[in-house]
């Protein structure tokens, strides 16, 4: 009995460390035929709440914020908000449990698919604060229109900005081709004449520069994953 008690005491530090998800975790999601590396950072604030960020190198995602992070009794759960969300199944979710080996084992659910993951703790958390949108200048806060070609088909683009005081600007991006797609925009940043908008959920971004010669226009590049196409947007009506 005394020997069992001493063994239990020896395990206490490991067990105590194992029940908290705080730290940087690295591992793989076991997607059939394409294992998906991931890095998850989890930290607990002074108020007891949890925050985190995720890196998915294979999907071009770096430092994306986690949502609805919860942790208790050695388990943790969170979702990715609009990132990788599907219209039918909602956000991509992760749930896992930390074992006595200090490894986290769990499931990723996305668009009706389920894949197991395993991660190990590699150090202290390095949670990345999500970038914040900035306001845009008054001459940008309107509707812009332009066209580009992809896969042999024309695409018509409408981009509208709206300022919200200190909360920064929001943008509505609509792309019309074979079908009409409203792209969810997560980030709007203006730095002088330069502008960038991003949609982490779709991997679409636009980066351009405001030019005034011959009428207001945004000369730039639209990024669709790894594909880039030139896109010139012209001012086309107040928002």
Protein backbone atom coordinates (compact mmCIF):
# COMPACT_ATOMS: atom_id res chain seq x y z
CA UNK A 1 0.00 0.00 0.00
CA UNK A 2 2.82 2.41 0.92
CA UNK A 3 4.51 1.65 -2.40
CA UNK A 4 1.32 2.43 -4.36
CA UNK A 5 0.93 5.69 -2.45
CA UNK A 6 4.47 6.77 -3.33
CA UNK A 7 3.88 5.92 -7.00
CA UNK A 8 0.72 8.03 -6.98
CA UNK A 9 2.62 10.95 -5.44
CA UNK A 10 5.29 10.66 -8.11
CA UNK A 11 2.64 10.85 -10.83
CA UNK A 12 0.92 13.93 -9.43
CA UNK A 13 3.16 16.53 -11.17
CA UNK A 14 2.68 14.83 -14.55
CA UNK A 15 -1.04 14.53 -14.06
CA UNK A 16 -1.36 18.15 -12.98
CA UNK A 17 0.58 19.29 -16.02
CA UNK A 18 -1.40 17.02 -18.29
CA UNK A 19 -4.83 18.38 -17.41
CA UNK A 20 -4.13 21.91 -18.60
CA UNK A 21 -4.10 22.55 -22.36
CA UNK A 22 -1.97 25.69 -22.00
CA UNK A 23 0.99 25.66 -24.37
CA UNK A 24 1.99 25.12 -27.97
CA UNK A 25 0.82 21.85 -29.50
CA UNK A 26 2.10 20.32 -32.74
CA UNK A 27 0.93 17.25 -34.60
CA UNK A 28 -1.04 15.83 -37.49
CA UNK A 29 -4.67 15.45 -38.49
CA UNK A 30 -5.03 11.97 -40.00
CA UNK A 31 -6.74 12.96 -43.25
CA UNK A 32 -6.72 9.85 -45.50
CA UNK A 33 -4.02 10.18 -48.15
CA UNK A 34 -3.05 13.65 -46.99
CA UNK A 35 -1.93 14.00 -43.35
CA UNK A 36 -2.47 17.60 -42.31
CA UNK A 37 0.16 19.24 -40.05
CA UNK A 38 -1.17 21.63 -37.45
CA UNK A 39 0.11 23.86 -34.67
CA UNK A 40 -2.28 25.02 -31.95
CA UNK A 41 -1.48 27.62 -29.29
CA UNK A 42 -3.67 27.79 -26.18
CA UNK A 43 -3.42 30.29 -23.32
CA UNK A 44 -5.51 31.09 -20.25
CA UNK A 45 -6.11 34.72 -19.35
CA UNK A 46 -6.16 36.32 -15.91
CA UNK A 47 -9.97 36.12 -15.94
CA UNK A 48 -9.83 32.35 -16.47
CA UNK A 49 -10.97 32.52 -20.08
CA UNK A 50 -9.10 30.76 -22.87
CA UNK A 51 -7.78 32.06 -26.18
CA UNK A 52 -5.80 30.49 -28.97
CA UNK A 53 -4.62 30.47 -32.55
CA UNK A 54 -3.95 27.80 -35.16
CA UNK A 55 -1.47 27.23 -37.98
CA UNK A 56 -2.36 24.85 -40.84
CA UNK A 57 0.63 25.08 -43.23
CA UNK A 58 -0.94 22.77 -45.82
CA UNK A 59 -3.91 25.12 -46.16
CA UNK A 60 -1.97 28.39 -46.07
CA UNK A 61 -3.43 29.32 -42.67
CA UNK A 62 -1.16 31.05 -40.16
CA UNK A 63 -2.14 32.44 -36.78
CA UNK A 64 -5.91 32.21 -37.32
CA UNK A 65 -7.88 32.84 -34.11
CA UNK A 66 -9.79 30.09 -32.30
CA UNK A 67 -13.40 30.56 -31.20
CA UNK A 68 -15.45 29.16 -28.29
CA UNK A 69 -12.38 27.71 -26.57
CA UNK A 70 -13.31 25.63 -23.51
CA UNK A 71 -11.17 23.46 -21.26
CA UNK A 72 -11.97 21.32 -18.25
CA UNK A 73 -10.83 18.07 -16.62
CA UNK A 74 -8.13 17.39 -19.20
CA UNK A 75 -10.31 18.05 -22.26
CA UNK A 76 -10.37 20.95 -24.70
CA UNK A 77 -12.70 22.05 -27.50
CA UNK A 78 -12.77 24.95 -29.96
CA UNK A 79 -13.88 25.89 -33.44
CA UNK A 80 -12.48 27.99 -36.31
CA UNK A 81 -15.41 30.38 -36.78
CA UNK A 82 -15.91 31.16 -40.48
CA UNK A 83 -12.58 29.61 -41.38
CA UNK A 84 -13.22 26.30 -43.24
CA UNK A 85 -16.91 26.53 -42.28
CA UNK A 86 -19.55 24.91 -44.49
CA UNK A 87 -23.07 26.14 -45.12
CA UNK A 88 -24.61 22.79 -44.14
CA UNK A 89 -22.44 21.79 -41.15
CA UNK A 90 -21.22 25.09 -39.71
CA UNK A 91 -17.75 25.73 -38.29
CA UNK A 92 -14.86 23.29 -38.33
CA UNK A 93 -14.53 21.95 -34.77
CA UNK A 94 -11.80 20.30 -32.71
CA UNK A 95 -12.22 18.34 -29.50
CA UNK A 96 -9.48 16.50 -27.68
CA UNK A 97 -8.35 15.00 -24.42
CA UNK A 98 -4.92 15.13 -22.81
CA UNK A 99 -3.54 11.81 -21.59
CA UNK A 100 -1.00 11.00 -18.90
CA UNK A 101 1.62 10.97 -21.69
CA UNK A 102 0.87 14.72 -22.13
CA UNK A 103 -0.29 14.06 -25.70
CA UNK A 104 -3.61 15.40 -26.95
CA UNK A 105 -5.80 12.99 -28.90
CA UNK A 106 -9.07 13.97 -30.52
CA UNK A 107 -11.22 14.63 -33.57
CA UNK A 108 -11.49 17.34 -36.18
CA UNK A 109 -14.93 17.70 -37.80
CA UNK A 110 -15.35 19.72 -40.98
CA UNK A 111 -18.09 19.71 -43.63
CA UNK A 112 -19.47 16.38 -42.41
CA UNK A 113 -16.03 14.70 -42.35
CA UNK A 114 -14.30 13.40 -39.23
CA UNK A 115 -10.55 12.86 -38.82
CA UNK A 116 -8.50 11.90 -35.80
CA UNK A 117 -5.58 14.04 -34.63
CA UNK A 118 -2.69 13.66 -32.22
CA UNK A 119 -0.58 16.54 -30.91
CA UNK A 120 2.26 16.84 -28.42
CA UNK A 121 3.10 19.84 -26.29
CA UNK A 122 6.31 21.51 -27.52
CA UNK A 123 6.58 24.60 -25.30
CA UNK A 124 4.86 27.74 -24.08
CA UNK A 125 1.90 29.16 -25.99
CA UNK A 126 2.59 31.71 -28.71
CA UNK A 127 -0.96 32.87 -29.35
CA UNK A 128 -1.05 35.31 -32.25
CA UNK A 129 -3.35 38.28 -31.77
CA UNK A 130 -5.64 38.50 -34.80
CA UNK A 131 -4.92 41.50 -37.05
CA UNK A 132 -7.51 44.27 -36.79
CA UNK A 133 -9.20 46.07 -39.64
CA UNK A 134 -8.49 49.76 -40.08
CA UNK A 135 -10.84 52.48 -41.28
CA UNK A 136 -10.51 53.40 -44.95
CA UNK A 137 -10.28 56.89 -46.38
CA UNK A 138 -13.48 58.65 -47.43
CA UNK A 139 -12.64 58.26 -51.12
CA UNK A 140 -12.40 54.49 -50.66
CA UNK A 141 -15.67 54.09 -48.71
CA UNK A 142 -17.82 53.44 -51.77
CA UNK A 143 -18.50 50.73 -54.36
CA UNK A 144 -15.85 49.57 -56.82
CA UNK A 145 -16.29 47.38 -59.88
CA UNK A 146 -14.01 45.47 -62.22
CA UNK A 147 -13.42 42.22 -64.10
CA UNK A 148 -10.85 39.45 -64.37
CA UNK A 149 -10.67 36.09 -66.16
CA UNK A 150 -10.23 32.68 -64.57
CA UNK A 151 -10.34 29.31 -66.31
CA UNK A 152 -11.40 30.94 -69.57
CA UNK A 153 -14.46 32.59 -68.02
CA UNK A 154 -14.92 36.26 -67.11
CA UNK A 155 -15.60 37.19 -63.50
CA UNK A 156 -17.30 40.45 -62.53
CA UNK A 157 -16.30 41.87 -59.16
CA UNK A 158 -18.15 44.33 -56.93
CA UNK A 159 -16.34 45.52 -53.80
CA UNK A 160 -18.00 47.85 -51.29
CA UNK A 161 -16.41 49.40 -48.18
CA UNK A 162 -18.13 50.80 -45.11
CA UNK A 163 -16.47 52.48 -42.12
CA UNK A 164 -17.50 51.73 -38.53
CA UNK A 165 -15.54 54.27 -36.49
CA UNK A 166 -12.85 52.81 -34.24
CA UNK A 167 -13.98 49.29 -35.18
CA UNK A 168 -12.47 49.83 -38.64
CA UNK A 169 -13.98 49.13 -42.02
CA UNK A 170 -15.89 46.16 -43.37
CA UNK A 171 -16.02 45.07 -46.98
CA UNK A 172 -18.54 43.20 -49.13
CA UNK A 173 -16.99 41.30 -52.04
CA UNK A 174 -19.28 39.76 -54.66
CA UNK A 175 -17.86 37.75 -57.57
CA UNK A 176 -20.18 36.89 -60.45
CA UNK A 177 -19.18 34.18 -62.95
CA UNK A 178 -21.04 30.97 -63.65
CA UNK A 179 -22.58 31.60 -60.25
CA UNK A 180 -22.72 34.48 -57.81
CA UNK A 181 -20.46 34.21 -54.74
CA UNK A 182 -20.44 36.58 -51.77
CA UNK A 183 -17.00 36.24 -50.22
CA UNK A 184 -16.79 36.67 -46.41
CA UNK A 185 -14.11 39.30 -45.69
CA UNK A 186 -12.23 39.03 -42.37
CA UNK A 187 -9.70 41.84 -42.71
CA UNK A 188 -9.56 45.30 -44.32
CA UNK A 189 -6.31 47.27 -44.00
CA UNK A 190 -5.42 50.57 -45.66
CA UNK A 191 -1.89 51.94 -45.38
CA UNK A 192 -1.59 55.18 -47.32
CA UNK A 193 -2.58 54.47 -50.91
CA UNK A 194 -2.18 50.71 -50.40
CA UNK A 195 -5.11 48.45 -49.55
CA UNK A 196 -5.47 44.77 -48.65
CA UNK A 197 -8.55 42.70 -47.90
CA UNK A 198 -8.55 39.03 -46.88
CA UNK A 199 -10.98 36.15 -46.54
CA UNK A 200 -9.39 33.40 -44.48
CA UNK A 201 -12.45 31.20 -44.92
CA UNK A 202 -11.95 31.02 -48.71
CA UNK A 203 -8.27 31.89 -49.20
CA UNK A 204 -9.27 34.87 -51.37
CA UNK A 205 -7.53 38.24 -51.01
CA UNK A 206 -7.19 41.47 -52.96
CA UNK A 207 -4.22 43.81 -52.74
CA UNK A 208 -4.23 47.08 -54.62
CA UNK A 209 -3.15 50.68 -54.79
CA UNK A 210 -5.42 53.70 -55.13
CA UNK A 211 -4.67 55.68 -58.28
CA UNK A 212 -6.32 58.94 -59.30
CA UNK A 213 -4.91 59.50 -62.80
CA UNK A 214 -7.75 59.29 -65.34
CA UNK A 215 -10.36 58.75 -62.64
CA UNK A 216 -10.29 56.87 -59.35
CA UNK A 217 -9.26 53.24 -59.61
CA UNK A 218 -7.72 50.46 -57.54
CA UNK A 219 -4.96 48.70 -59.44
CA UNK A 220 -4.06 45.37 -57.92
CA UNK A 221 -4.04 41.59 -57.75
CA UNK A 222 -6.76 39.19 -56.66
CA UNK A 223 -5.42 36.06 -54.97
CA UNK A 224 -7.45 32.85 -55.08
CA UNK A 225 -5.39 30.34 -53.15
CA UNK A 226 -2.12 30.10 -55.09
CA UNK A 227 -3.62 31.71 -58.22
CA UNK A 228 -3.10 35.42 -58.90
CA UNK A 229 -4.87 37.54 -61.49
CA UNK A 230 -4.57 41.25 -62.28
CA UNK A 231 -7.69 43.18 -61.25
CA UNK A 232 -8.43 46.86 -61.76
CA UNK A 233 -11.44 48.23 -59.89
CA UNK A 234 -13.11 51.50 -60.82
CA UNK A 235 -15.17 53.70 -58.53
CA UNK A 236 -18.78 52.98 -59.32
CA UNK A 237 -21.22 54.67 -56.96
CA UNK A 238 -21.47 55.58 -53.31
CA UNK A 239 -21.95 52.84 -50.76
